[in-house]
Structures are given as C-alpha cells and as structure tokens.
Amino acid sequence: MRFKLIMVFVDEDKTEQVLDASRNAGATGATIINKARGQGLEKVFGIFGLEILNPRAVVLILAEERRADCILEAVTEAGNLDESLGTGIAIQLDVDKALGLSEHIKELQKLKPLG
C-alpha cells in the first residue's frame, strides 16, 4: 500500500475545521503540532515595531495514496487556504517508506473502496 503525507499549515483557530474535513474526505487520523510560527511574503509589525508571528498549527496526515487528492482538496477548502496570502498552505509529499502501519493497513483494507 502506498501513502502520501499531507502537511497543512493553518491558523490555529481553523484546525478543527481542517481535521473534520480531512476525516470526512477519507483520512483515518492526523497529528497536530501547535504553536508553529513563520513568515509570509511580507513581515507584519505591531506595536513598538515588533514583528507579529501569529501561531499556526501544522496538521500532518498520512493518507492512502488513492484518498490523498480528495483529502488535500477538502483541507484546502476547509482552511480557506486560497482566500488570501496569509491563510496558510497545504502540500502533499510522496512517502517512500512508512513503518508501524500493519494494523492501520488492515483497517484501511476494511473500508469501503473509493469509487
């Protein structure tokens, strides 16, 4: 079985919507890393000239290859990622090898086929 890793970088307040959308699209789980920070195209400065780095969540979804595109589209919509420059991004990477998934694969094989 082949897998893709979907990484979603989104405002923390949109994490639940992204998780719900991923599960509804066929994801079987996710790992969330909170309090990530980063910069966009332009720096944002606040009071006293200090740079503002809004907290983000990084949602990691290991998805079966056949389900990955649907999940990627769902999280993009749920997170409003194409709304403006600062709303976040989602990327999909090929996974060459993943271990510790024997039981996970058995459960995936029980699921209704996509189609």
PDB file of N, CA and C in Angstrom:
ATOM      1  N   MET A   1       0.853  -1.174   0.000  1.00  0.00           N
ATOM      2  CA  MET A   1       0.000   0.000   0.000  1.00  0.00           C
ATOM      3  C   MET A   1       0.895   1.231   0.000  1.00  0.00           C
ATOM      4  N   ARG A   2       0.533   2.213  -0.811  1.00  0.00           N
ATOM      5  CA  ARG A   2       1.331   3.437  -0.938  1.00  0.00           C
ATOM      6  C   ARG A   2       0.645   4.579  -0.194  1.00  0.00           C
ATOM      7  N   PHE A   3       1.480   5.496   0.344  1.00  0.00           N
ATOM      8  CA  PHE A   3       0.967   6.590   1.148  1.00  0.00           C
ATOM      9  C   PHE A   3       1.496   7.930   0.672  1.00  0.00           C
ATOM     10  N   LYS A   4       0.764   8.966   1.023  1.00  0.00           N
ATOM     11  CA  LYS A   4       1.178  10.356   0.816  1.00  0.00           C
ATOM     12  C   LYS A   4       1.139  11.042   2.178  1.00  0.00           C
ATOM     13  N   LEU A   5       1.997  12.017   2.369  1.00  0.00           N
ATOM     14  CA  LEU A   5       1.958  12.846   3.564  1.00  0.00           C
ATOM     15  C   LEU A   5       1.406  14.202   3.168  1.00  0.00           C
ATOM     16  N   ILE A   6       0.304  14.565   3.789  1.00  0.00           N
ATOM     17  CA  ILE A   6      -0.288  15.883   3.569  1.00  0.00           C
ATOM     18  C   ILE A   6       0.075  16.740   4.769  1.00  0.00           C
ATOM     19  N   MET A   7       0.665  17.885   4.508  1.00  0.00           N
ATOM     20  CA  MET A   7       1.040  18.831   5.556  1.00  0.00           C
ATOM     21  C   MET A   7       0.217  20.099   5.350  1.00  0.00           C
ATOM     22  N   VAL A   8      -0.527  20.468   6.376  1.00  0.00           N
ATOM     23  CA  VAL A   8      -1.377  21.657   6.301  1.00  0.00           C
ATOM     24  C   VAL A   8      -0.876  22.651   7.337  1.00  0.00           C
ATOM     25  N   PHE A   9      -0.518  23.838   6.881  1.00  0.00           N
ATOM     26  CA  PHE A   9      -0.073  24.922   7.756  1.00  0.00           C
ATOM     27  C   PHE A   9      -1.221  25.922   7.800  1.00  0.00           C
ATOM     28  N   VAL A  10      -1.872  26.025   8.958  1.00  0.00           N
ATOM     29  CA  VAL A  10      -3.119  26.774   9.030  1.00  0.00           C
ATOM     30  C   VAL A  10      -3.200  27.517  10.368  1.00  0.00           C
ATOM     31  N   ASP A  11      -3.969  28.607  10.400  1.00  0.00           N
ATOM     32  CA  ASP A  11      -4.200  29.312  11.654  1.00  0.00           C
ATOM     33  C   ASP A  11      -4.791  28.347  12.668  1.00  0.00           C
ATOM     34  N   GLU A  12      -4.351  28.468  13.915  1.00  0.00           N
ATOM     35  CA  GLU A  12      -4.801  27.534  14.952  1.00  0.00           C
ATOM     36  C   GLU A  12      -6.324  27.478  15.084  1.00  0.00           C
ATOM     37  N   ASP A  13      -6.992  28.594  14.845  1.00  0.00           N
ATOM     38  CA  ASP A  13      -8.454  28.615  15.007  1.00  0.00           C
ATOM     39  C   ASP A  13      -9.187  27.850  13.901  1.00  0.00           C
ATOM     40  N   LYS A  14      -8.475  27.410  12.877  1.00  0.00           N
ATOM     41  CA  LYS A  14      -9.104  26.637  11.798  1.00  0.00           C
ATOM     42  C   LYS A  14      -8.723  25.149  11.841  1.00  0.00           C
ATOM     43  N   THR A  15      -8.004  24.761  12.880  1.00  0.00           N
ATOM     44  CA  THR A  15      -7.523  23.382  12.982  1.00  0.00           C
ATOM     45  C   THR A  15      -8.670  22.376  13.007  1.00  0.00           C
ATOM     46  N   GLU A  16      -9.683  22.629  13.813  1.00  0.00           N
ATOM     47  CA  GLU A  16     -10.805  21.687  13.931  1.00  0.00           C
ATOM     48  C   GLU A  16     -11.533  21.507  12.605  1.00  0.00           C
ATOM     49  N   GLN A  17     -11.739  22.601  11.872  1.00  0.00           N
ATOM     50  CA  GLN A  17     -12.402  22.501  10.568  1.00  0.00           C
ATOM     51  C   GLN A  17     -11.571  21.661   9.597  1.00  0.00           C
ATOM     52  N   VAL A  18     -10.258  21.841   9.637  1.00  0.00           N
ATOM     53  CA  VAL A  18      -9.357  21.075   8.768  1.00  0.00           C
ATOM     54  C   VAL A  18      -9.398  19.590   9.142  1.00  0.00           C
ATOM     55  N   LEU A  19      -9.373  19.296  10.435  1.00  0.00           N
ATOM     56  CA  LEU A  19      -9.425  17.904  10.884  1.00  0.00           C
ATOM     57  C   LEU A  19     -10.737  17.236  10.488  1.00  0.00           C
ATOM     58  N   ASP A  20     -11.853  17.942  10.694  1.00  0.00           N
ATOM     59  CA  ASP A  20     -13.162  17.393  10.324  1.00  0.00           C
ATOM     60  C   ASP A  20     -13.238  17.126   8.827  1.00  0.00           C
ATOM     61  N   ALA A  21     -12.751  18.081   8.026  1.00  0.00           N
ATOM     62  CA  ALA A  21     -12.786  17.927   6.569  1.00  0.00           C
ATOM     63  C   ALA A  21     -11.913  16.759   6.116  1.00  0.00           C
ATOM     64  N   SER A  22     -10.751  16.600   6.748  1.00  0.00           N
ATOM     65  CA  SER A  22      -9.861  15.505   6.350  1.00  0.00           C
ATOM     66  C   SER A  22     -10.496  14.154   6.659  1.00  0.00           C
ATOM     67  N   ARG A  23     -11.121  14.041   7.822  1.00  0.00           N
ATOM     68  CA  ARG A  23     -11.768  12.774   8.187  1.00  0.00           C
ATOM     69  C   ARG A  23     -12.939  12.486   7.247  1.00  0.00           C
ATOM     70  N   ASN A  24     -13.737  13.505   6.943  1.00  0.00           N
ATOM     71  CA  ASN A  24     -14.879  13.327   6.029  1.00  0.00           C
ATOM     72  C   ASN A  24     -14.436  12.946   4.618  1.00  0.00           C
ATOM     73  N   ALA A  25     -13.206  13.318   4.256  1.00  0.00           N
ATOM     74  CA  ALA A  25     -12.683  13.023   2.921  1.00  0.00           C
ATOM     75  C   ALA A  25     -11.937  11.687   2.867  1.00  0.00           C
ATOM     76  N   GLY A  26     -11.824  10.997   4.021  1.00  0.00           N
ATOM     77  CA  GLY A  26     -11.202   9.681   3.994  1.00  0.00           C
ATOM     78  C   GLY A  26      -9.950   9.512   4.825  1.00  0.00           C
ATOM     79  N   ALA A  27      -9.511  10.562   5.507  1.00  0.00           N
ATOM     80  CA  ALA A  27      -8.343  10.414   6.377  1.00  0.00           C
ATOM     81  C   ALA A  27      -8.728   9.596   7.603  1.00  0.00           C
ATOM     82  N   THR A  28      -7.790   8.817   8.090  1.00  0.00           N
ATOM     83  CA  THR A  28      -8.063   7.977   9.255  1.00  0.00           C
ATOM     84  C   THR A  28      -7.412   8.518  10.520  1.00  0.00           C
ATOM     85  N   GLY A  29      -6.780   9.665  10.432  1.00  0.00           N
ATOM     86  CA  GLY A  29      -6.164  10.272  11.603  1.00  0.00           C
ATOM     87  C   GLY A  29      -5.238  11.401  11.197  1.00  0.00           C
ATOM     88  N   ALA A  30      -4.687  12.077  12.196  1.00  0.00           N
ATOM     89  CA  ALA A  30      -3.784  13.191  11.940  1.00  0.00           C
ATOM     90  C   ALA A  30      -2.955  13.462  13.183  1.00  0.00           C
ATOM     91  N   THR A  31      -1.845  14.131  12.998  1.00  0.00           N
ATOM     92  CA  THR A  31      -1.021  14.612  14.094  1.00  0.00           C
ATOM     93  C   THR A  31      -0.978  16.122  13.981  1.00  0.00           C
ATOM     94  N   ILE A  32      -1.176  16.815  15.110  1.00  0.00           N
ATOM     95  CA  ILE A  32      -1.206  18.277  15.106  1.00  0.00           C
ATOM     96  C   ILE A  32      -0.026  18.805  15.902  1.00  0.00           C
ATOM     97  N   ILE A  33       0.705  19.713  15.312  1.00  0.00           N
ATOM     98  CA  ILE A  33       1.784  20.409  16.000  1.00  0.00           C
ATOM     99  C   ILE A  33       1.320  21.851  16.172  1.00  0.00           C
ATOM    100  N   ASN A  34       1.091  22.265  17.407  1.00  0.00           N
ATOM    101  CA  ASN A  34       0.611  23.619  17.690  1.00  0.00           C
ATOM    102  C   ASN A  34       1.763  24.580  17.925  1.00  0.00           C
ATOM    103  N   LYS A  35       1.444  25.842  17.838  1.00  0.00           N
ATOM    104  CA  LYS A  35       2.359  26.946  18.144  1.00  0.00           C
ATOM    105  C   LYS A  35       3.527  27.050  17.174  1.00  0.00           C
ATOM    106  N   ALA A  36       3.337  26.597  15.947  1.00  0.00           N
ATOM    107  CA  ALA A  36       4.358  26.804  14.925  1.00  0.00           C
ATOM    108  C   ALA A  36       4.303  28.274  14.515  1.00  0.00           C
ATOM    109  N   ARG A  37       5.411  28.817  14.084  1.00  0.00           N
ATOM    110  CA  ARG A  37       5.433  30.207  13.642  1.00  0.00           C
ATOM    111  C   ARG A  37       6.177  30.300  12.321  1.00  0.00           C
ATOM    112  N   GLY A  38       5.864  31.332  11.562  1.00  0.00           N
ATOM    113  CA  GLY A  38       6.547  31.506  10.291  1.00  0.00           C
ATOM    114  C   GLY A  38       6.277  32.872   9.703  1.00  0.00           C
ATOM    115  N   GLN A  39       6.866  33.127   8.561  1.00  0.00           N
ATOM    116  CA  GLN A  39       6.707  34.400   7.876  1.00  0.00           C
ATOM    117  C   GLN A  39       6.141  34.174   6.494  1.00  0.00           C
ATOM    118  N   GLY A  40       5.374  35.140   6.029  1.00  0.00           N
ATOM    119  CA  GLY A  40       4.860  35.117   4.678  1.00  0.00           C
ATOM    120  C   GLY A  40       5.699  36.005   3.776  1.00  0.00           C
ATOM    121  N   LEU A  41       5.095  36.481   2.714  1.00  0.00           N
ATOM    122  CA  LEU A  41       5.810  37.341   1.775  1.00  0.00           C
ATOM    123  C   LEU A  41       6.229  38.663   2.406  1.00  0.00           C
ATOM    124  N   GLU A  42       5.384  39.176   3.300  1.00  0.00           N
ATOM    125  CA  GLU A  42       5.681  40.454   3.936  1.00  0.00           C
ATOM    126  C   GLU A  42       5.630  40.296   5.447  1.00  0.00           C
ATOM    127  N   LYS A  43       6.550  40.949   6.132  1.00  0.00           N
ATOM    128  CA  LYS A  43       6.541  40.933   7.589  1.00  0.00           C
ATOM    129  C   LYS A  43       5.393  41.809   8.079  1.00  0.00           C
ATOM    130  N   VAL A  44       4.796  41.421   9.216  1.00  0.00           N
ATOM    131  CA  VAL A  44       3.731  42.201   9.838  1.00  0.00           C
ATOM    132  C   VAL A  44       4.268  42.715  11.163  1.00  0.00           C
ATOM    133  N   PHE A  45       4.178  44.048  11.345  1.00  0.00           N
ATOM    134  CA  PHE A  45       4.699  44.655  12.568  1.00  0.00           C
ATOM    135  C   PHE A  45       3.547  45.193  13.395  1.00  0.00           C
ATOM    136  N   GLY A  46       3.685  45.054  14.698  1.00  0.00           N
ATOM    137  CA  GLY A  46       2.672  45.532  15.620  1.00  0.00           C
ATOM    138  C   GLY A  46       3.195  46.691  16.429  1.00  0.00           C
ATOM    139  N   ILE A  47       2.658  46.800  17.601  1.00  0.00           N
ATOM    140  CA  ILE A  47       3.014  47.891  18.498  1.00  0.00           C
ATOM    141  C   ILE A  47       4.501  47.834  18.840  1.00  0.00           C
ATOM    142  N   PHE A  48       5.106  48.956  18.995  1.00  0.00           N
ATOM    143  CA  PHE A  48       6.533  49.095  19.296  1.00  0.00           C
ATOM    144  C   PHE A  48       7.427  48.535  18.200  1.00  0.00           C
ATOM    145  N   GLY A  49       6.888  48.311  16.996  1.00  0.00           N
ATOM    146  CA  GLY A  49       7.682  47.840  15.881  1.00  0.00           C
ATOM    147  C   GLY A  49       8.087  46.382  15.956  1.00  0.00           C
ATOM    148  N   LEU A  50       7.449  45.626  16.836  1.00  0.00           N
ATOM    149  CA  LEU A  50       7.772  44.210  16.959  1.00  0.00           C
ATOM    150  C   LEU A  50       7.047  43.401  15.883  1.00  0.00           C
ATOM    151  N   GLU A  51       7.753  42.450  15.343  1.00  0.00           N
ATOM    152  CA  GLU A  51       7.164  41.602  14.308  1.00  0.00           C
ATOM    153  C   GLU A  51       6.126  40.673  14.925  1.00  0.00           C
ATOM    154  N   ILE A  52       5.000  40.546  14.245  1.00  0.00           N
ATOM    155  CA  ILE A  52       3.927  39.674  14.707  1.00  0.00           C
ATOM    156  C   ILE A  52       4.010  38.359  13.940  1.00  0.00           C
ATOM    157  N   LEU A  53       4.131  37.280  14.688  1.00  0.00           N
ATOM    158  CA  LEU A  53       4.133  35.944  14.103  1.00  0.00           C
ATOM    159  C   LEU A  53       2.954  35.196  14.712  1.00  0.00           C
ATOM    160  N   ASN A  54       1.844  35.169  13.990  1.00  0.00           N
ATOM    161  CA  ASN A  54       0.656  34.503  14.507  1.00  0.00           C
ATOM    162  C   ASN A  54       0.889  33.010  14.639  1.00  0.00           C
ATOM    163  N   PRO A  55       0.396  32.424  15.731  1.00  0.00           N
ATOM    164  CA  PRO A  55       0.570  30.977  15.895  1.00  0.00           C
ATOM    165  C   PRO A  55      -0.184  30.195  14.828  1.00  0.00           C
ATOM    166  N   ARG A  56       0.459  29.175  14.364  1.00  0.00           N
ATOM    167  CA  ARG A  56      -0.112  28.278  13.366  1.00  0.00           C
ATOM    168  C   ARG A  56      -0.134  26.872  13.921  1.00  0.00           C
ATOM    169  N   ALA A  57      -0.924  26.060  13.285  1.00  0.00           N
ATOM    170  CA  ALA A  57      -0.890  24.629  13.551  1.00  0.00           C
ATOM    171  C   ALA A  57      -0.372  23.952  12.296  1.00  0.00           C
ATOM    172  N   VAL A  58       0.389  22.912  12.488  1.00  0.00           N
ATOM    173  CA  VAL A  58       0.823  22.073  11.382  1.00  0.00           C
ATOM    174  C   VAL A  58       0.084  20.747  11.558  1.00  0.00           C
ATOM    175  N   VAL A  59      -0.762  20.414  10.593  1.00  0.00           N
ATOM    176  CA  VAL A  59      -1.533  19.183  10.630  1.00  0.00           C
ATOM    177  C   VAL A  59      -0.878  18.206   9.667  1.00  0.00           C
ATOM    178  N   LEU A  60      -0.463  17.060  10.192  1.00  0.00           N
ATOM    179  CA  LEU A  60       0.196  16.036   9.394  1.00  0.00           C
ATOM    180  C   LEU A  60      -0.774  14.876   9.208  1.00  0.00           C
ATOM    181  N   ILE A  61      -1.042  14.549   7.962  1.00  0.00           N
ATOM    182  CA  ILE A  61      -1.984  13.480   7.638  1.00  0.00           C
ATOM    183  C   ILE A  61      -1.283  12.476   6.738  1.00  0.00           C
ATOM    184  N   LEU A  62      -1.132  11.256   7.232  1.00  0.00           N
ATOM    185  CA  LEU A  62      -0.600  10.175   6.408  1.00  0.00           C
ATOM    186  C   LEU A  62      -1.801   9.498   5.764  1.00  0.00           C
ATOM    187  N   ALA A  63      -1.906   9.624   4.454  1.00  0.00           N
ATOM    188  CA  ALA A  63      -3.107   9.168   3.748  1.00  0.00           C
ATOM    189  C   ALA A  63      -2.760   8.112   2.709  1.00  0.00           C
ATOM    190  N   GLU A  64      -3.667   7.167   2.570  1.00  0.00           N
ATOM    191  CA  GLU A  64      -3.537   6.196   1.498  1.00  0.00           C
ATOM    192  C   GLU A  64      -3.535   6.967   0.172  1.00  0.00           C
ATOM    193  N   GLU A  65      -2.681   6.562  -0.737  1.00  0.00           N
ATOM    194  CA  GLU A  65      -2.480   7.303  -1.989  1.00  0.00           C
ATOM    195  C   GLU A  65      -3.782   7.598  -2.730  1.00  0.00           C
ATOM    196  N   ARG A  66      -4.698   6.622  -2.777  1.00  0.00           N
ATOM    197  CA  ARG A  66      -5.950   6.811  -3.525  1.00  0.00           C
ATOM    198  C   ARG A  66      -6.853   7.873  -2.909  1.00  0.00           C
ATOM    199  N   ARG A  67      -6.674   8.149  -1.617  1.00  0.00           N
ATOM    200  CA  ARG A  67      -7.522   9.111  -0.919  1.00  0.00           C
ATOM    201  C   ARG A  67      -6.882  10.495  -0.810  1.00  0.00           C
ATOM    202  N   ALA A  68      -5.606  10.599  -1.094  1.00  0.00           N
ATOM    203  CA  ALA A  68      -4.831  11.802  -0.803  1.00  0.00           C
ATOM    204  C   ALA A  68      -5.328  13.054  -1.528  1.00  0.00           C
ATOM    205  N   ASP A  69      -5.607  12.968  -2.816  1.00  0.00           N
ATOM    206  CA  ASP A  69      -6.037  14.164  -3.551  1.00  0.00           C
ATOM    207  C   ASP A  69      -7.355  14.712  -3.011  1.00  0.00           C
ATOM    208  N   CYS A  70      -8.272  13.826  -2.692  1.00  0.00           N
ATOM    209  CA  CYS A  70      -9.562  14.237  -2.141  1.00  0.00           C
ATOM    210  C   CYS A  70      -9.372  14.920  -0.784  1.00  0.00           C
ATOM    211  N   ILE A  71      -8.500  14.363   0.028  1.00  0.00           N
ATOM    212  CA  ILE A  71      -8.219  14.938   1.347  1.00  0.00           C
ATOM    213  C   ILE A  71      -7.563  16.300   1.196  1.00  0.00           C
ATOM    214  N   LEU A  72      -6.598  16.408   0.295  1.00  0.00           N
ATOM    215  CA  LEU A  72      -5.902  17.680   0.068  1.00  0.00           C
ATOM    216  C   LEU A  72      -6.880  18.773  -0.353  1.00  0.00           C
ATOM    217  N   GLU A  73      -7.775  18.456  -1.253  1.00  0.00           N
ATOM    218  CA  GLU A  73      -8.778  19.435  -1.689  1.00  0.00           C
ATOM    219  C   GLU A  73      -9.701  19.824  -0.544  1.00  0.00           C
ATOM    220  N   ALA A  74     -10.098  18.855   0.269  1.00  0.00           N
ATOM    221  CA  ALA A  74     -11.017  19.125   1.374  1.00  0.00           C
ATOM    222  C   ALA A  74     -10.390  20.041   2.427  1.00  0.00           C
ATOM    223  N   VAL A  75      -9.125  19.788   2.770  1.00  0.00           N
ATOM    224  CA  VAL A  75      -8.490  20.631   3.789  1.00  0.00           C
ATOM    225  C   VAL A  75      -8.194  22.026   3.258  1.00  0.00           C
ATOM    226  N   THR A  76      -7.920  22.129   1.971  1.00  0.00           N
ATOM    227  CA  THR A  76      -7.698  23.439   1.366  1.00  0.00           C
ATOM    228  C   THR A  76      -8.961  24.279   1.456  1.00  0.00           C
ATOM    229  N   GLU A  77     -10.094  23.668   1.164  1.00  0.00           N
ATOM    230  CA  GLU A  77     -11.368  24.376   1.242  1.00  0.00           C
ATOM    231  C   GLU A  77     -11.730  24.702   2.691  1.00  0.00           C
ATOM    232  N   ALA A  78     -11.578  23.746   3.581  1.00  0.00           N
ATOM    233  CA  ALA A  78     -11.954  23.944   4.985  1.00  0.00           C
ATOM    234  C   ALA A  78     -11.113  25.026   5.658  1.00  0.00           C
ATOM    235  N   GLY A  79      -9.847  25.108   5.298  1.00  0.00           N
ATOM    236  CA  GLY A  79      -8.963  26.100   5.882  1.00  0.00           C
ATOM    237  C   GLY A  79      -8.974  27.430   5.164  1.00  0.00           C
ATOM    238  N   ASN A  80      -9.772  27.544   4.096  1.00  0.00           N
ATOM    239  CA  ASN A  80      -9.823  28.758   3.264  1.00  0.00           C
ATOM    240  C   ASN A  80      -8.414  29.160   2.822  1.00  0.00           C
ATOM    241  N   LEU A  81      -7.644  28.176   2.394  1.00  0.00           N
ATOM    242  CA  LEU A  81      -6.236  28.421   2.106  1.00  0.00           C
ATOM    243  C   LEU A  81      -5.997  29.258   0.863  1.00  0.00           C
ATOM    244  N   ASP A  82      -6.940  29.290  -0.053  1.00  0.00           N
ATOM    245  CA  ASP A  82      -6.774  30.110  -1.254  1.00  0.00           C
ATOM    246  C   ASP A  82      -7.427  31.476  -1.108  1.00  0.00           C
ATOM    247  N   GLU A  83      -7.827  31.827   0.114  1.00  0.00           N
ATOM    248  CA  GLU A  83      -8.549  33.072   0.369  1.00  0.00           C
ATOM    249  C   GLU A  83      -7.663  34.307   0.240  1.00  0.00           C
ATOM    250  N   SER A  84      -6.460  34.249   0.816  1.00  0.00           N
ATOM    251  CA  SER A  84      -5.539  35.382   0.756  1.00  0.00           C
ATOM    252  C   SER A  84      -4.121  34.885   1.031  1.00  0.00           C
ATOM    253  N   LEU A  85      -3.168  35.801   1.013  1.00  0.00           N
ATOM    254  CA  LEU A  85      -1.760  35.422   1.197  1.00  0.00           C
ATOM    255  C   LEU A  85      -1.480  34.792   2.549  1.00  0.00           C
ATOM    256  N   GLY A  86      -2.175  35.209   3.595  1.00  0.00           N
ATOM    257  CA  GLY A  86      -1.812  34.780   4.935  1.00  0.00           C
ATOM    258  C   GLY A  86      -2.643  33.659   5.524  1.00  0.00           C
ATOM    259  N   THR A  87      -3.429  32.965   4.727  1.00  0.00           N
ATOM    260  CA  THR A  87      -4.334  31.974   5.313  1.00  0.00           C
ATOM    261  C   THR A  87      -3.703  30.600   5.495  1.00  0.00           C
ATOM    262  N   GLY A  88      -2.561  30.339   4.918  1.00  0.00           N
ATOM    263  CA  GLY A  88      -1.886  29.062   5.095  1.00  0.00           C
ATOM    264  C   GLY A  88      -1.714  28.327   3.782  1.00  0.00           C
ATOM    265  N   ILE A  89      -1.063  27.168   3.881  1.00  0.00           N
ATOM    266  CA  ILE A  89      -0.826  26.349   2.692  1.00  0.00           C
ATOM    267  C   ILE A  89      -1.006  24.874   3.049  1.00  0.00           C
ATOM    268  N   ALA A  90      -1.164  24.068   2.036  1.00  0.00           N
ATOM    269  CA  ALA A  90      -1.191  22.616   2.197  1.00  0.00           C
ATOM    270  C   ALA A  90      -0.318  22.026   1.101  1.00  0.00           C
ATOM    271  N   ILE A  91       0.473  21.039   1.469  1.00  0.00           N
ATOM    272  CA  ILE A  91       1.328  20.367   0.498  1.00  0.00           C
ATOM    273  C   ILE A  91       1.163  18.859   0.633  1.00  0.00           C
ATOM    274  N   GLN A  92       1.495  18.163  -0.426  1.00  0.00           N
ATOM    275  CA  GLN A  92       1.403  16.703  -0.442  1.00  0.00           C
ATOM    276  C   GLN A  92       2.751  16.146  -0.900  1.00  0.00           C
ATOM    277  N   LEU A  93       3.274  15.204  -0.137  1.00  0.00           N
ATOM    278  CA  LEU A  93       4.573  14.603  -0.444  1.00  0.00           C
ATOM    279  C   LEU A  93       4.436  13.100  -0.589  1.00  0.00           C
ATOM    280  N   ASP A  94       5.221  12.532  -1.481  1.00  0.00           N
ATOM    281  CA  ASP A  94       5.277  11.078  -1.599  1.00  0.00           C
ATOM    282  C   ASP A  94       5.995  10.513  -0.380  1.00  0.00           C
ATOM    283  N   VAL A  95       5.535   9.380   0.098  1.00  0.00           N
ATOM    284  CA  VAL A  95       6.169   8.685   1.213  1.00  0.00           C
ATOM    285  C   VAL A  95       6.845   7.445   0.636  1.00  0.00           C
ATOM    286  N   ASP A  96       8.178   7.410   0.720  1.00  0.00           N
ATOM    287  CA  ASP A  96       8.922   6.267   0.194  1.00  0.00           C
ATOM    288  C   ASP A  96       8.752   5.036   1.059  1.00  0.00           C
ATOM    289  N   LYS A  97       8.709   5.258   2.363  1.00  0.00           N
ATOM    290  CA  LYS A  97       8.632   4.118   3.273  1.00  0.00           C
ATOM    291  C   LYS A  97       7.980   4.580   4.563  1.00  0.00           C
ATOM    292  N   ALA A  98       7.101   3.754   5.102  1.00  0.00           N
ATOM    293  CA  ALA A  98       6.466   4.042   6.385  1.00  0.00           C
ATOM    294  C   ALA A  98       6.382   2.743   7.176  1.00  0.00           C
ATOM    295  N   LEU A  99       6.781   2.791   8.420  1.00  0.00           N
ATOM    296  CA  LEU A  99       6.768   1.611   9.277  1.00  0.00           C
ATOM    297  C   LEU A  99       5.787   1.823  10.426  1.00  0.00           C
ATOM    298  N   GLY A 100       5.387   0.735  11.043  1.00  0.00           N
ATOM    299  CA  GLY A 100       4.461   0.818  12.166  1.00  0.00           C
ATOM    300  C   GLY A 100       3.015   0.920  11.734  1.00  0.00           C
ATOM    301  N   LEU A 101       2.718   0.498  10.515  1.00  0.00           N
ATOM    302  CA  LEU A 101       1.380   0.677   9.954  1.00  0.00           C
ATOM    303  C   LEU A 101       0.624  -0.622   9.717  1.00  0.00           C
ATOM    304  N   SER A 102       1.127  -1.731  10.208  1.00  0.00           N
ATOM    305  CA  SER A 102       0.487  -3.021   9.916  1.00  0.00           C
ATOM    306  C   SER A 102      -0.984  -3.034  10.292  1.00  0.00           C
ATOM    307  N   GLU A 103      -1.299  -2.621  11.511  1.00  0.00           N
ATOM    308  CA  GLU A 103      -2.694  -2.605  11.958  1.00  0.00           C
ATOM    309  C   GLU A 103      -3.499  -1.538  11.226  1.00  0.00           C
ATOM    310  N   HIS A 104      -2.864  -0.433  10.939  1.00  0.00           N
ATOM    311  CA  HIS A 104      -3.510   0.652  10.202  1.00  0.00           C
ATOM    312  C   HIS A 104      -3.933   0.171   8.806  1.00  0.00           C
ATOM    313  N   ILE A 105      -3.054  -0.542   8.144  1.00  0.00           N
ATOM    314  CA  ILE A 105      -3.339  -1.057   6.803  1.00  0.00           C
ATOM    315  C   ILE A 105      -4.491  -2.053   6.842  1.00  0.00           C
ATOM    316  N   LYS A 106      -4.531  -2.901   7.860  1.00  0.00           N
ATOM    317  CA  LYS A 106      -5.646  -3.842   7.988  1.00  0.00           C
ATOM    318  C   LYS A 106      -6.979  -3.107   8.080  1.00  0.00           C
ATOM    319  N   GLU A 107      -7.012  -2.019   8.833  1.00  0.00           N
ATOM    320  CA  GLU A 107      -8.234  -1.231   8.979  1.00  0.00           C
ATOM    321  C   GLU A 107      -8.599  -0.533   7.666  1.00  0.00           C
ATOM    322  N   LEU A 108      -7.608  -0.023   6.964  1.00  0.00           N
ATOM    323  CA  LEU A 108      -7.861   0.626   5.681  1.00  0.00           C
ATOM    324  C   LEU A 108      -8.452  -0.352   4.673  1.00  0.00           C
ATOM    325  N   GLN A 109      -7.988  -1.586   4.715  1.00  0.00           N
ATOM    326  CA  GLN A 109      -8.491  -2.602   3.778  1.00  0.00           C
ATOM    327  C   GLN A 109      -9.947  -2.959   4.059  1.00  0.00           C
ATOM    328  N   LYS A 110     -10.411  -2.710   5.260  1.00  0.00           N
ATOM    329  CA  LYS A 110     -11.807  -2.990   5.608  1.00  0.00           C
ATOM    330  C   LYS A 110     -12.751  -1.882   5.115  1.00  0.00           C
ATOM    331  N   LEU A 111     -12.199  -0.691   4.878  1.00  0.00           N
ATOM    332  CA  LEU A 111     -13.030   0.442   4.462  1.00  0.00           C
ATOM    333  C   LEU A 111     -13.613   0.231   3.078  1.00  0.00           C
ATOM    334  N   LYS A 112     -14.735   0.904   2.866  1.00  0.00           N
ATOM    335  CA  LYS A 112     -15.382   0.866   1.563  1.00  0.00           C
ATOM    336  C   LYS A 112     -14.446   1.412   0.489  1.00  0.00           C
ATOM    337  N   PRO A 113     -14.300   0.721  -0.636  1.00  0.00           N
ATOM    338  CA  PRO A 113     -13.422   1.206  -1.703  1.00  0.00           C
ATOM    339  C   PRO A 113     -13.889   2.566  -2.236  1.00  0.00           C
ATOM    340  N   LEU A 114     -12.920   3.361  -2.658  1.00  0.00           N
ATOM    341  CA  LEU A 114     -13.252   4.647  -3.286  1.00  0.00           C
ATOM    342  C   LEU A 114     -13.797   4.379  -4.671  1.00  0.00           C
ATOM    343  N   GLY A 115     -14.653   5.245  -5.085  1.00  0.00           N
ATOM    344  CA  GLY A 115     -15.077   4.971  -6.430  1.00  0.00           C
ATOM    345  C   GLY A 115     -16.143   5.826  -6.890  1.00  0.00           C
TER     346      GLY A 115
END
